[in-house]
């Protein structure tokens, strides 16, 4: 080998090693935690986010998805997001409201006529304002996923009118608005982690619960609940959020890839959630569950005090803004 050839090979090898080192330095490993089981629209969309983020970043961004509260319950994941211990979470409206109170405004009873109306408002000016408030608390909103129109189930009797809830022990998520709704209807509200809900219902710790049909089916709550009542008492979002600490250390190119992946995952999650809701009534009936239509006007009247209470609260101006936006649709 000539001296010149040796030098050329040495320079090439050095360049290759440097390139490999650069690529390695640019690798971004992220963890995405959520509380729903495998097979749910939330988990499927989380996997989609990971897939698209990797593709958009030419393989640089690798996202590990941890379902079923592996990273802790929603409240614990919010804390982890704010400290930077967790990168991303498809979380719950109630848990976020404990840090950013304005999230509660989207949980007012009978606020939205359907999911499409809810999504339009979330994607509009009030949704942007909510994202700004989230950023102030250390969380970047990548999208507002859907958590469905919520209905009630229990093991005792059909819930056809508000009076039917009196004396029932009803599980709620860590969401103050939902607690207020249950108390306005005469039920006893008890907060239990979603991951522990099946056993709590099975053992009679609580009589019933409220969730979108998608969550009821994916967690198999219908196995331990005889009655489902289509109350449609509230809609909830699933905030898809990233730790601001993680966001701040990303390059502009990686932020673009993450946001584009989030947009695709958001569209998929909403689509799956709506499709699931539309088909589950007949599916649950086929599994032996009694599914009843309720007197919604009576439920709406019985929970009107909840809206009044929140409009008089410290976040009252934002609540009124969300209510006005829903009525303007």
C-alpha atoms as a PDB file:
ATOM      1  CA  UNK A   1       0.000   0.000   0.000  1.00  0.00           C
ATOM      2  CA  UNK A   2       1.397   3.408  -0.969  1.00  0.00           C
ATOM      3  CA  UNK A   3       1.770   6.165   1.576  1.00  0.00           C
ATOM      4  CA  UNK A   4      -0.866   8.275  -0.229  1.00  0.00           C
ATOM      5  CA  UNK A   5      -3.312   5.355  -0.349  1.00  0.00           C
ATOM      6  CA  UNK A   6      -2.798   4.734   3.357  1.00  0.00           C
ATOM      7  CA  UNK A   7      -3.481   8.377   4.171  1.00  0.00           C
ATOM      8  CA  UNK A   8      -6.649   8.373   2.058  1.00  0.00           C
ATOM      9  CA  UNK A   9      -7.960   5.270   3.800  1.00  0.00           C
ATOM     10  CA  UNK A  10      -7.128   6.703   7.197  1.00  0.00           C
ATOM     11  CA  UNK A  11      -8.968   9.950   6.411  1.00  0.00           C
ATOM     12  CA  UNK A  12     -12.004   8.007   5.109  1.00  0.00           C
ATOM     13  CA  UNK A  13     -12.123   5.783   8.188  1.00  0.00           C
ATOM     14  CA  UNK A  14     -11.880   8.819  10.478  1.00  0.00           C
ATOM     15  CA  UNK A  15     -14.698  10.535   8.596  1.00  0.00           C
ATOM     16  CA  UNK A  16     -16.913   7.451   8.874  1.00  0.00           C
ATOM     17  CA  UNK A  17     -16.279   7.158  12.588  1.00  0.00           C
ATOM     18  CA  UNK A  18     -17.052  10.833  13.053  1.00  0.00           C
ATOM     19  CA  UNK A  19     -20.276  10.459  11.078  1.00  0.00           C
ATOM     20  CA  UNK A  20     -21.321   7.482  13.187  1.00  0.00           C
ATOM     21  CA  UNK A  21     -20.540   9.399  16.332  1.00  0.00           C
ATOM     22  CA  UNK A  22     -22.569  12.374  15.074  1.00  0.00           C
ATOM     23  CA  UNK A  23     -25.551  10.175  14.222  1.00  0.00           C
ATOM     24  CA  UNK A  24     -25.369   8.553  17.634  1.00  0.00           C
ATOM     25  CA  UNK A  25     -25.216  11.960  19.313  1.00  0.00           C
ATOM     26  CA  UNK A  26     -28.344  13.012  17.455  1.00  0.00           C
ATOM     27  CA  UNK A  27     -30.420  10.003  18.555  1.00  0.00           C
ATOM     28  CA  UNK A  28     -33.451  10.983  20.635  1.00  0.00           C
ATOM     29  CA  UNK A  29     -35.036   8.394  22.889  1.00  0.00           C
ATOM     30  CA  UNK A  30     -38.436   9.277  24.344  1.00  0.00           C
ATOM     31  CA  UNK A  31     -40.923   7.507  26.622  1.00  0.00           C
ATOM     32  CA  UNK A  32     -44.678   7.912  26.138  1.00  0.00           C
ATOM     33  CA  UNK A  33     -46.873   6.791  29.026  1.00  0.00           C
ATOM     34  CA  UNK A  34     -50.645   6.398  29.203  1.00  0.00           C
ATOM     35  CA  UNK A  35     -53.198   4.647  31.393  1.00  0.00           C
ATOM     36  CA  UNK A  36     -55.277   2.705  28.863  1.00  0.00           C
ATOM     37  CA  UNK A  37     -54.832  -0.971  27.939  1.00  0.00           C
ATOM     38  CA  UNK A  38     -53.302  -2.376  24.776  1.00  0.00           C
ATOM     39  CA  UNK A  39     -55.921  -2.446  22.028  1.00  0.00           C
ATOM     40  CA  UNK A  40     -57.579   0.834  23.014  1.00  0.00           C
ATOM     41  CA  UNK A  41     -57.699   3.770  20.563  1.00  0.00           C
ATOM     42  CA  UNK A  42     -55.314   5.622  22.865  1.00  0.00           C
ATOM     43  CA  UNK A  43     -52.682   2.895  22.670  1.00  0.00           C
ATOM     44  CA  UNK A  44     -53.060   2.397  18.923  1.00  0.00           C
ATOM     45  CA  UNK A  45     -52.600   6.138  18.372  1.00  0.00           C
ATOM     46  CA  UNK A  46     -49.574   6.191  20.679  1.00  0.00           C
ATOM     47  CA  UNK A  47     -47.944   3.470  18.563  1.00  0.00           C
ATOM     48  CA  UNK A  48     -48.796   5.485  15.452  1.00  0.00           C
ATOM     49  CA  UNK A  49     -47.080   8.524  16.958  1.00  0.00           C
ATOM     50  CA  UNK A  50     -43.942   6.475  17.628  1.00  0.00           C
ATOM     51  CA  UNK A  51     -43.951   5.073  14.090  1.00  0.00           C
ATOM     52  CA  UNK A  52     -44.405   8.434  12.367  1.00  0.00           C
ATOM     53  CA  UNK A  53     -41.921  10.273  14.606  1.00  0.00           C
ATOM     54  CA  UNK A  54     -39.267   7.712  13.719  1.00  0.00           C
ATOM     55  CA  UNK A  55     -40.025   7.953  10.015  1.00  0.00           C
ATOM     56  CA  UNK A  56     -40.138  11.767   9.967  1.00  0.00           C
ATOM     57  CA  UNK A  57     -36.786  11.972  11.758  1.00  0.00           C
ATOM     58  CA  UNK A  58     -35.018   9.418   9.536  1.00  0.00           C
ATOM     59  CA  UNK A  59     -34.861   7.011  12.457  1.00  0.00           C
ATOM     60  CA  UNK A  60     -33.383   9.481  14.941  1.00  0.00           C
ATOM     61  CA  UNK A  61     -36.420   9.680  17.250  1.00  0.00           C
ATOM     62  CA  UNK A  62     -37.271   6.442  19.030  1.00  0.00           C
ATOM     63  CA  UNK A  63     -40.387   6.408  21.202  1.00  0.00           C
ATOM     64  CA  UNK A  64     -41.083   3.667  23.745  1.00  0.00           C
ATOM     65  CA  UNK A  65     -44.799   3.385  24.517  1.00  0.00           C
ATOM     66  CA  UNK A  66     -45.733   2.317  28.061  1.00  0.00           C
ATOM     67  CA  UNK A  67     -49.490   1.521  28.354  1.00  0.00           C
ATOM     68  CA  UNK A  68     -51.707   0.482  31.284  1.00  0.00           C
ATOM     69  CA  UNK A  69     -50.258   2.971  33.801  1.00  0.00           C
ATOM     70  CA  UNK A  70     -46.806   1.377  33.697  1.00  0.00           C
ATOM     71  CA  UNK A  71     -45.375   4.853  34.335  1.00  0.00           C
ATOM     72  CA  UNK A  72     -47.831   5.534  37.173  1.00  0.00           C
ATOM     73  CA  UNK A  73     -51.399   6.804  37.203  1.00  0.00           C
ATOM     74  CA  UNK A  74     -52.361   9.974  35.321  1.00  0.00           C
ATOM     75  CA  UNK A  75     -51.616  12.272  38.269  1.00  0.00           C
ATOM     76  CA  UNK A  76     -48.158  10.732  38.723  1.00  0.00           C
ATOM     77  CA  UNK A  77     -47.444  11.086  35.010  1.00  0.00           C
ATOM     78  CA  UNK A  78     -48.371  14.788  35.100  1.00  0.00           C
ATOM     79  CA  UNK A  79     -45.845  15.310  37.881  1.00  0.00           C
ATOM     80  CA  UNK A  80     -43.238  13.351  35.920  1.00  0.00           C
ATOM     81  CA  UNK A  81     -43.888  15.456  32.814  1.00  0.00           C
ATOM     82  CA  UNK A  82     -43.348  18.687  34.696  1.00  0.00           C
ATOM     83  CA  UNK A  83     -40.063  17.499  36.188  1.00  0.00           C
ATOM     84  CA  UNK A  84     -38.828  15.969  32.946  1.00  0.00           C
ATOM     85  CA  UNK A  85     -38.839  12.411  34.318  1.00  0.00           C
ATOM     86  CA  UNK A  86     -41.373  11.454  31.604  1.00  0.00           C
ATOM     87  CA  UNK A  87     -41.263  12.797  28.059  1.00  0.00           C
ATOM     88  CA  UNK A  88     -44.808  12.408  26.721  1.00  0.00           C
ATOM     89  CA  UNK A  89     -48.220  11.332  27.996  1.00  0.00           C
ATOM     90  CA  UNK A  90     -51.686  10.784  26.585  1.00  0.00           C
ATOM     91  CA  UNK A  91     -53.228  11.855  29.854  1.00  0.00           C
ATOM     92  CA  UNK A  92     -56.629  12.690  31.342  1.00  0.00           C
ATOM     93  CA  UNK A  93     -58.521  15.945  31.459  1.00  0.00           C
ATOM     94  CA  UNK A  94     -59.091  15.608  35.202  1.00  0.00           C
ATOM     95  CA  UNK A  95     -55.451  15.019  36.079  1.00  0.00           C
ATOM     96  CA  UNK A  96     -54.322  17.987  33.967  1.00  0.00           C
ATOM     97  CA  UNK A  97     -56.982  20.161  35.631  1.00  0.00           C
ATOM     98  CA  UNK A  98     -55.260  19.665  38.975  1.00  0.00           C
ATOM     99  CA  UNK A  99     -52.295  21.586  37.530  1.00  0.00           C
ATOM    100  CA  UNK A 100     -54.005  23.733  34.893  1.00  0.00           C
ATOM    101  CA  UNK A 101     -57.490  24.387  36.362  1.00  0.00           C
ATOM    102  CA  UNK A 102     -58.887  25.655  33.060  1.00  0.00           C
ATOM    103  CA  UNK A 103     -59.063  22.082  31.719  1.00  0.00           C
ATOM    104  CA  UNK A 104     -62.116  21.647  33.943  1.00  0.00           C
ATOM    105  CA  UNK A 105     -64.053  24.039  31.703  1.00  0.00           C
ATOM    106  CA  UNK A 106     -64.263  21.396  28.979  1.00  0.00           C
ATOM    107  CA  UNK A 107     -65.959  18.991  31.392  1.00  0.00           C
ATOM    108  CA  UNK A 108     -69.135  20.960  32.053  1.00  0.00           C
ATOM    109  CA  UNK A 109     -72.179  18.664  31.900  1.00  0.00           C
ATOM    110  CA  UNK A 110     -73.952  18.407  28.542  1.00  0.00           C
ATOM    111  CA  UNK A 111     -71.586  20.971  26.993  1.00  0.00           C
ATOM    112  CA  UNK A 112     -71.235  19.404  23.537  1.00  0.00           C
ATOM    113  CA  UNK A 113     -73.878  17.894  21.297  1.00  0.00           C
ATOM    114  CA  UNK A 114     -71.414  15.504  19.690  1.00  0.00           C
ATOM    115  CA  UNK A 115     -67.708  14.727  19.345  1.00  0.00           C
ATOM    116  CA  UNK A 116     -67.232  16.766  16.167  1.00  0.00           C
ATOM    117  CA  UNK A 117     -68.395  19.911  17.932  1.00  0.00           C
ATOM    118  CA  UNK A 118     -66.051  19.234  20.839  1.00  0.00           C
ATOM    119  CA  UNK A 119     -63.045  18.752  18.523  1.00  0.00           C
ATOM    120  CA  UNK A 120     -63.798  21.955  16.610  1.00  0.00           C
ATOM    121  CA  UNK A 121     -63.707  23.987  19.815  1.00  0.00           C
ATOM    122  CA  UNK A 122     -60.574  22.236  21.111  1.00  0.00           C
ATOM    123  CA  UNK A 123     -58.809  23.054  17.832  1.00  0.00           C
ATOM    124  CA  UNK A 124     -59.952  26.696  17.961  1.00  0.00           C
ATOM    125  CA  UNK A 125     -58.963  29.813  19.949  1.00  0.00           C
ATOM    126  CA  UNK A 126     -59.951  28.488  23.379  1.00  0.00           C
ATOM    127  CA  UNK A 127     -57.918  25.347  22.755  1.00  0.00           C
ATOM    128  CA  UNK A 128     -54.927  27.524  21.857  1.00  0.00           C
ATOM    129  CA  UNK A 129     -55.413  29.535  25.045  1.00  0.00           C
ATOM    130  CA  UNK A 130     -55.496  26.311  27.048  1.00  0.00           C
ATOM    131  CA  UNK A 131     -52.273  25.162  25.375  1.00  0.00           C
ATOM    132  CA  UNK A 132     -50.599  28.435  26.348  1.00  0.00           C
ATOM    133  CA  UNK A 133     -51.656  27.958  29.970  1.00  0.00           C
ATOM    134  CA  UNK A 134     -50.300  24.380  29.846  1.00  0.00           C
ATOM    135  CA  UNK A 135     -46.918  25.604  28.591  1.00  0.00           C
ATOM    136  CA  UNK A 136     -46.718  27.964  31.568  1.00  0.00           C
ATOM    137  CA  UNK A 137     -46.972  24.871  33.794  1.00  0.00           C
ATOM    138  CA  UNK A 138     -44.278  22.904  31.992  1.00  0.00           C
ATOM    139  CA  UNK A 139     -46.315  20.928  29.435  1.00  0.00           C
ATOM    140  CA  UNK A 140     -46.490  21.368  25.665  1.00  0.00           C
ATOM    141  CA  UNK A 141     -49.798  20.377  24.084  1.00  0.00           C
ATOM    142  CA  UNK A 142     -49.131  18.279  20.982  1.00  0.00           C
ATOM    143  CA  UNK A 143     -52.823  17.620  20.376  1.00  0.00           C
ATOM    144  CA  UNK A 144     -56.171  17.109  22.027  1.00  0.00           C
ATOM    145  CA  UNK A 145     -57.156  13.473  21.722  1.00  0.00           C
ATOM    146  CA  UNK A 146     -60.659  12.267  22.421  1.00  0.00           C
ATOM    147  CA  UNK A 147     -61.881  10.518  25.546  1.00  0.00           C
ATOM    148  CA  UNK A 148     -65.422  10.165  24.316  1.00  0.00           C
ATOM    149  CA  UNK A 149     -68.897  11.040  25.447  1.00  0.00           C
ATOM    150  CA  UNK A 150     -69.214   9.585  28.927  1.00  0.00           C
ATOM    151  CA  UNK A 151     -71.968   7.261  30.111  1.00  0.00           C
ATOM    152  CA  UNK A 152     -72.766   5.524  33.392  1.00  0.00           C
ATOM    153  CA  UNK A 153     -72.789   1.862  34.358  1.00  0.00           C
ATOM    154  CA  UNK A 154     -73.643   0.059  37.573  1.00  0.00           C
ATOM    155  CA  UNK A 155     -74.472  -3.323  39.020  1.00  0.00           C
ATOM    156  CA  UNK A 156     -77.735  -2.440  40.805  1.00  0.00           C
ATOM    157  CA  UNK A 157     -80.379  -1.033  38.455  1.00  0.00           C
ATOM    158  CA  UNK A 158     -81.031   0.921  35.252  1.00  0.00           C
ATOM    159  CA  UNK A 159     -80.278   4.644  35.644  1.00  0.00           C
ATOM    160  CA  UNK A 160     -83.122   6.158  33.650  1.00  0.00           C
ATOM    161  CA  UNK A 161     -83.640   9.357  35.647  1.00  0.00           C
ATOM    162  CA  UNK A 162     -81.571  11.341  38.158  1.00  0.00           C
ATOM    163  CA  UNK A 163     -83.367   9.845  41.156  1.00  0.00           C
ATOM    164  CA  UNK A 164     -82.043   6.396  40.231  1.00  0.00           C
ATOM    165  CA  UNK A 165     -78.535   7.426  41.287  1.00  0.00           C
ATOM    166  CA  UNK A 166     -79.434   8.289  44.865  1.00  0.00           C
ATOM    167  CA  UNK A 167     -77.342   6.297  47.318  1.00  0.00           C
ATOM    168  CA  UNK A 168     -75.165   4.618  44.684  1.00  0.00           C
ATOM    169  CA  UNK A 169     -71.398   4.524  45.200  1.00  0.00           C
ATOM    170  CA  UNK A 170     -70.021   5.778  41.893  1.00  0.00           C
ATOM    171  CA  UNK A 171     -66.352   5.770  40.985  1.00  0.00           C
ATOM    172  CA  UNK A 172     -64.976   8.940  39.397  1.00  0.00           C
ATOM    173  CA  UNK A 173     -61.543   9.821  38.025  1.00  0.00           C
ATOM    174  CA  UNK A 174     -59.565  12.541  39.847  1.00  0.00           C
ATOM    175  CA  UNK A 175     -61.810  15.179  38.272  1.00  0.00           C
ATOM    176  CA  UNK A 176     -63.634  17.764  40.374  1.00  0.00           C
ATOM    177  CA  UNK A 177     -66.340  18.413  37.779  1.00  0.00           C
ATOM    178  CA  UNK A 178     -67.269  14.729  37.602  1.00  0.00           C
ATOM    179  CA  UNK A 179     -67.440  14.597  41.400  1.00  0.00           C
ATOM    180  CA  UNK A 180     -69.760  17.616  41.340  1.00  0.00           C
ATOM    181  CA  UNK A 181     -71.985  15.943  38.734  1.00  0.00           C
ATOM    182  CA  UNK A 182     -72.307  12.769  40.797  1.00  0.00           C
ATOM    183  CA  UNK A 183     -73.076  14.678  43.966  1.00  0.00           C
ATOM    184  CA  UNK A 184     -75.672  16.816  42.162  1.00  0.00           C
ATOM    185  CA  UNK A 185     -77.389  13.578  41.144  1.00  0.00           C
ATOM    186  CA  UNK A 186     -77.384  12.221  44.686  1.00  0.00           C
ATOM    187  CA  UNK A 187     -74.651   9.616  44.260  1.00  0.00           C
ATOM    188  CA  UNK A 188     -71.658   9.078  46.510  1.00  0.00           C
ATOM    189  CA  UNK A 189     -68.491   9.849  44.517  1.00  0.00           C
ATOM    190  CA  UNK A 190     -65.371   7.800  45.187  1.00  0.00           C
ATOM    191  CA  UNK A 191     -62.065   8.305  43.375  1.00  0.00           C
ATOM    192  CA  UNK A 192     -60.352   5.092  42.288  1.00  0.00           C
ATOM    193  CA  UNK A 193     -57.503   4.660  39.826  1.00  0.00           C
ATOM    194  CA  UNK A 194     -58.641   3.397  36.431  1.00  0.00           C
ATOM    195  CA  UNK A 195     -56.131   0.534  36.626  1.00  0.00           C
ATOM    196  CA  UNK A 196     -57.844  -0.623  39.841  1.00  0.00           C
ATOM    197  CA  UNK A 197     -61.422  -0.056  38.691  1.00  0.00           C
ATOM    198  CA  UNK A 198     -62.254  -3.553  37.394  1.00  0.00           C
ATOM    199  CA  UNK A 199     -61.400  -5.157  40.735  1.00  0.00           C
ATOM    200  CA  UNK A 200     -63.197  -2.411  42.693  1.00  0.00           C
ATOM    201  CA  UNK A 201     -66.377  -3.042  40.698  1.00  0.00           C
ATOM    202  CA  UNK A 202     -65.972  -6.812  40.906  1.00  0.00           C
ATOM    203  CA  UNK A 203     -65.589  -6.716  44.691  1.00  0.00           C
ATOM    204  CA  UNK A 204     -68.390  -4.211  45.237  1.00  0.00           C
ATOM    205  CA  UNK A 205     -66.153  -1.453  46.586  1.00  0.00           C
ATOM    206  CA  UNK A 206     -68.242   0.795  44.345  1.00  0.00           C
ATOM    207  CA  UNK A 207     -71.556   0.115  42.602  1.00  0.00           C
ATOM    208  CA  UNK A 208     -70.802   1.834  39.338  1.00  0.00           C
ATOM    209  CA  UNK A 209     -68.700   4.216  37.310  1.00  0.00           C
ATOM    210  CA  UNK A 210     -68.800   6.544  34.307  1.00  0.00           C
ATOM    211  CA  UNK A 211     -66.674   6.354  31.166  1.00  0.00           C
ATOM    212  CA  UNK A 212     -66.955   6.438  27.397  1.00  0.00           C
ATOM    213  CA  UNK A 213     -68.067   3.128  25.905  1.00  0.00           C
ATOM    214  CA  UNK A 214     -64.588   2.651  24.419  1.00  0.00           C
ATOM    215  CA  UNK A 215     -62.996   2.625  27.867  1.00  0.00           C
ATOM    216  CA  UNK A 216     -65.720   0.406  29.300  1.00  0.00           C
ATOM    217  CA  UNK A 217     -65.187  -2.178  26.553  1.00  0.00           C
ATOM    218  CA  UNK A 218     -61.379  -2.062  26.369  1.00  0.00           C
ATOM    219  CA  UNK A 219     -61.081  -2.504  30.156  1.00  0.00           C
ATOM    220  CA  UNK A 220     -63.847  -5.177  30.080  1.00  0.00           C
ATOM    221  CA  UNK A 221     -65.848  -3.362  32.753  1.00  0.00           C
ATOM    222  CA  UNK A 222     -68.990  -4.787  31.165  1.00  0.00           C
ATOM    223  CA  UNK A 223     -68.005  -8.144  32.709  1.00  0.00           C
ATOM    224  CA  UNK A 224     -68.718  -6.738  36.168  1.00  0.00           C
ATOM    225  CA  UNK A 225     -71.495  -4.245  35.311  1.00  0.00           C
ATOM    226  CA  UNK A 226     -74.976  -5.396  34.357  1.00  0.00           C
ATOM    227  CA  UNK A 227     -76.432  -2.014  33.398  1.00  0.00           C
ATOM    228  CA  UNK A 228     -75.145   0.733  31.093  1.00  0.00           C
ATOM    229  CA  UNK A 229     -77.134   3.958  30.867  1.00  0.00           C
ATOM    230  CA  UNK A 230     -76.465   6.263  27.902  1.00  0.00           C
ATOM    231  CA  UNK A 231     -76.455   9.456  29.936  1.00  0.00           C
ATOM    232  CA  UNK A 232     -73.973  11.313  27.722  1.00  0.00           C
ATOM    233  CA  UNK A 233     -73.484  13.608  30.704  1.00  0.00           C
ATOM    234  CA  UNK A 234     -70.137  15.005  29.622  1.00  0.00           C
ATOM    235  CA  UNK A 235     -67.425  14.870  27.005  1.00  0.00           C
ATOM    236  CA  UNK A 236     -63.752  14.625  27.870  1.00  0.00           C
ATOM    237  CA  UNK A 237     -60.531  15.117  26.035  1.00  0.00           C
ATOM    238  CA  UNK A 238     -57.256  13.253  26.361  1.00  0.00           C
ATOM    239  CA  UNK A 239     -54.547  15.923  26.355  1.00  0.00           C
ATOM    240  CA  UNK A 240     -51.528  14.632  24.415  1.00  0.00           C
ATOM    241  CA  UNK A 241     -48.692  16.502  26.087  1.00  0.00           C
ATOM    242  CA  UNK A 242     -44.906  16.618  26.122  1.00  0.00           C
ATOM    243  CA  UNK A 243     -42.669  17.742  28.945  1.00  0.00           C
ATOM    244  CA  UNK A 244     -41.493  21.278  28.215  1.00  0.00           C
ATOM    245  CA  UNK A 245     -38.053  20.211  29.396  1.00  0.00           C
ATOM    246  CA  UNK A 246     -37.976  17.553  26.690  1.00  0.00           C
ATOM    247  CA  UNK A 247     -39.381  19.937  24.071  1.00  0.00           C
ATOM    248  CA  UNK A 248     -36.783  22.597  24.864  1.00  0.00           C
ATOM    249  CA  UNK A 249     -33.883  20.248  24.227  1.00  0.00           C
ATOM    250  CA  UNK A 250     -35.150  19.123  20.813  1.00  0.00           C
ATOM    251  CA  UNK A 251     -33.780  20.644  17.629  1.00  0.00           C
ATOM    252  CA  UNK A 252     -36.146  22.578  15.358  1.00  0.00           C
ATOM    253  CA  UNK A 253     -36.145  19.632  12.935  1.00  0.00           C
ATOM    254  CA  UNK A 254     -37.060  17.180  15.686  1.00  0.00           C
ATOM    255  CA  UNK A 255     -39.815  19.454  16.997  1.00  0.00           C
ATOM    256  CA  UNK A 256     -41.268  19.551  13.491  1.00  0.00           C
ATOM    257  CA  UNK A 257     -41.132  15.746  13.261  1.00  0.00           C
ATOM    258  CA  UNK A 258     -42.748  15.355  16.681  1.00  0.00           C
ATOM    259  CA  UNK A 259     -45.566  17.780  15.878  1.00  0.00           C
ATOM    260  CA  UNK A 260     -46.273  16.199  12.497  1.00  0.00           C
ATOM    261  CA  UNK A 261     -46.378  12.768  14.139  1.00  0.00           C
ATOM    262  CA  UNK A 262     -48.706  14.126  16.819  1.00  0.00           C
ATOM    263  CA  UNK A 263     -51.051  15.546  14.177  1.00  0.00           C
ATOM    264  CA  UNK A 264     -51.324  12.162  12.454  1.00  0.00           C
ATOM    265  CA  UNK A 265     -51.785  10.337  15.756  1.00  0.00           C
ATOM    266  CA  UNK A 266     -54.467  12.814  16.853  1.00  0.00           C
ATOM    267  CA  UNK A 267     -56.473  12.307  13.668  1.00  0.00           C
ATOM    268  CA  UNK A 268     -56.212   8.525  14.021  1.00  0.00           C
ATOM    269  CA  UNK A 269     -57.156   8.484  17.701  1.00  0.00           C
ATOM    270  CA  UNK A 270     -60.237  10.619  17.132  1.00  0.00           C
ATOM    271  CA  UNK A 271     -61.314   8.463  14.189  1.00  0.00           C
ATOM    272  CA  UNK A 272     -60.896   5.229  16.167  1.00  0.00           C
ATOM    273  CA  UNK A 273     -62.660   6.661  19.193  1.00  0.00           C
ATOM    274  CA  UNK A 274     -65.696   7.740  17.177  1.00  0.00           C
ATOM    275  CA  UNK A 275     -65.888   4.466  15.248  1.00  0.00           C
ATOM    276  CA  UNK A 276     -65.653   2.511  18.484  1.00  0.00           C
ATOM    277  CA  UNK A 277     -68.390   4.552  20.151  1.00  0.00           C
ATOM    278  CA  UNK A 278     -70.703   4.109  17.165  1.00  0.00           C
ATOM    279  CA  UNK A 279     -70.417   0.305  17.146  1.00  0.00           C
ATOM    280  CA  UNK A 280     -70.195  -0.566  20.829  1.00  0.00           C
ATOM    281  CA  UNK A 281     -73.852  -0.247  21.827  1.00  0.00           C
ATOM    282  CA  UNK A 282     -74.867  -3.300  19.807  1.00  0.00           C
ATOM    283  CA  UNK A 283     -71.652  -5.125  20.715  1.00  0.00           C
ATOM    284  CA  UNK A 284     -72.208  -4.642  24.460  1.00  0.00           C
ATOM    285  CA  UNK A 285     -75.844  -5.684  24.159  1.00  0.00           C
ATOM    286  CA  UNK A 286     -74.653  -8.839  22.456  1.00  0.00           C
ATOM    287  CA  UNK A 287     -72.531  -9.586  25.520  1.00  0.00           C
ATOM    288  CA  UNK A 288     -75.568  -9.560  27.782  1.00  0.00           C
ATOM    289  CA  UNK A 289     -75.365  -6.017  29.117  1.00  0.00           C
ATOM    290  CA  UNK A 290     -78.595  -4.049  29.439  1.00  0.00           C
ATOM    291  CA  UNK A 291     -78.082  -0.723  27.617  1.00  0.00           C
ATOM    292  CA  UNK A 292     -80.724   1.933  28.308  1.00  0.00           C
ATOM    293  CA  UNK A 293     -81.567   5.345  26.880  1.00  0.00           C
ATOM    294  CA  UNK A 294     -82.208   7.940  29.603  1.00  0.00           C
ATOM    295  CA  UNK A 295     -84.220  11.104  30.094  1.00  0.00           C
ATOM    296  CA  UNK A 296     -81.391  13.501  29.212  1.00  0.00           C
ATOM    297  CA  UNK A 297     -83.444  16.628  29.817  1.00  0.00           C
ATOM    298  CA  UNK A 298     -83.969  15.590  33.431  1.00  0.00           C
ATOM    299  CA  UNK A 299     -80.256  14.870  33.909  1.00  0.00           C
ATOM    300  CA  UNK A 300     -79.350  18.212  32.344  1.00  0.00           C
ATOM    301  CA  UNK A 301     -81.714  20.065  34.641  1.00  0.00           C
ATOM    302  CA  UNK A 302     -80.405  18.212  37.704  1.00  0.00           C
ATOM    303  CA  UNK A 303     -76.789  19.164  36.906  1.00  0.00           C
ATOM    304  CA  UNK A 304     -77.347  22.822  35.938  1.00  0.00           C
ATOM    305  CA  UNK A 305     -76.024  23.849  39.352  1.00  0.00           C
ATOM    306  CA  UNK A 306     -72.617  22.400  38.430  1.00  0.00           C
ATOM    307  CA  UNK A 307     -72.201  24.879  35.566  1.00  0.00           C
ATOM    308  CA  UNK A 308     -73.303  27.757  37.770  1.00  0.00           C
ATOM    309  CA  UNK A 309     -70.794  26.745  40.455  1.00  0.00           C
ATOM    310  CA  UNK A 310     -67.881  26.658  38.015  1.00  0.00           C
ATOM    311  CA  UNK A 311     -68.864  29.908  36.314  1.00  0.00           C
ATOM    312  CA  UNK A 312     -68.574  31.534  39.751  1.00  0.00           C
ATOM    313  CA  UNK A 313     -65.171  29.921  40.432  1.00  0.00           C
ATOM    314  CA  UNK A 314     -61.721  31.499  39.910  1.00  0.00           C
ATOM    315  CA  UNK A 315     -61.652  30.060  36.358  1.00  0.00           C
ATOM    316  CA  UNK A 316     -65.186  31.329  35.727  1.00  0.00           C
ATOM    317  CA  UNK A 317     -64.233  33.659  32.839  1.00  0.00           C
ATOM    318  CA  UNK A 318     -62.645  30.773  30.934  1.00  0.00           C
ATOM    319  CA  UNK A 319     -65.598  28.479  31.698  1.00  0.00           C
ATOM    320  CA  UNK A 320     -67.974  31.093  30.300  1.00  0.00           C
ATOM    321  CA  UNK A 321     -65.766  31.413  27.213  1.00  0.00           C
ATOM    322  CA  UNK A 322     -65.928  27.638  26.551  1.00  0.00           C
ATOM    323  CA  UNK A 323     -69.681  27.517  27.206  1.00  0.00           C
ATOM    324  CA  UNK A 324     -70.238  30.457  24.842  1.00  0.00           C
ATOM    325  CA  UNK A 325     -68.121  28.764  22.153  1.00  0.00           C
ATOM    326  CA  UNK A 326     -70.180  25.573  22.446  1.00  0.00           C
ATOM    327  CA  UNK A 327     -73.450  27.469  22.120  1.00  0.00           C
ATOM    328  CA  UNK A 328     -72.199  29.368  19.099  1.00  0.00           C
ATOM    329  CA  UNK A 329     -71.673  26.183  17.075  1.00  0.00           C
END
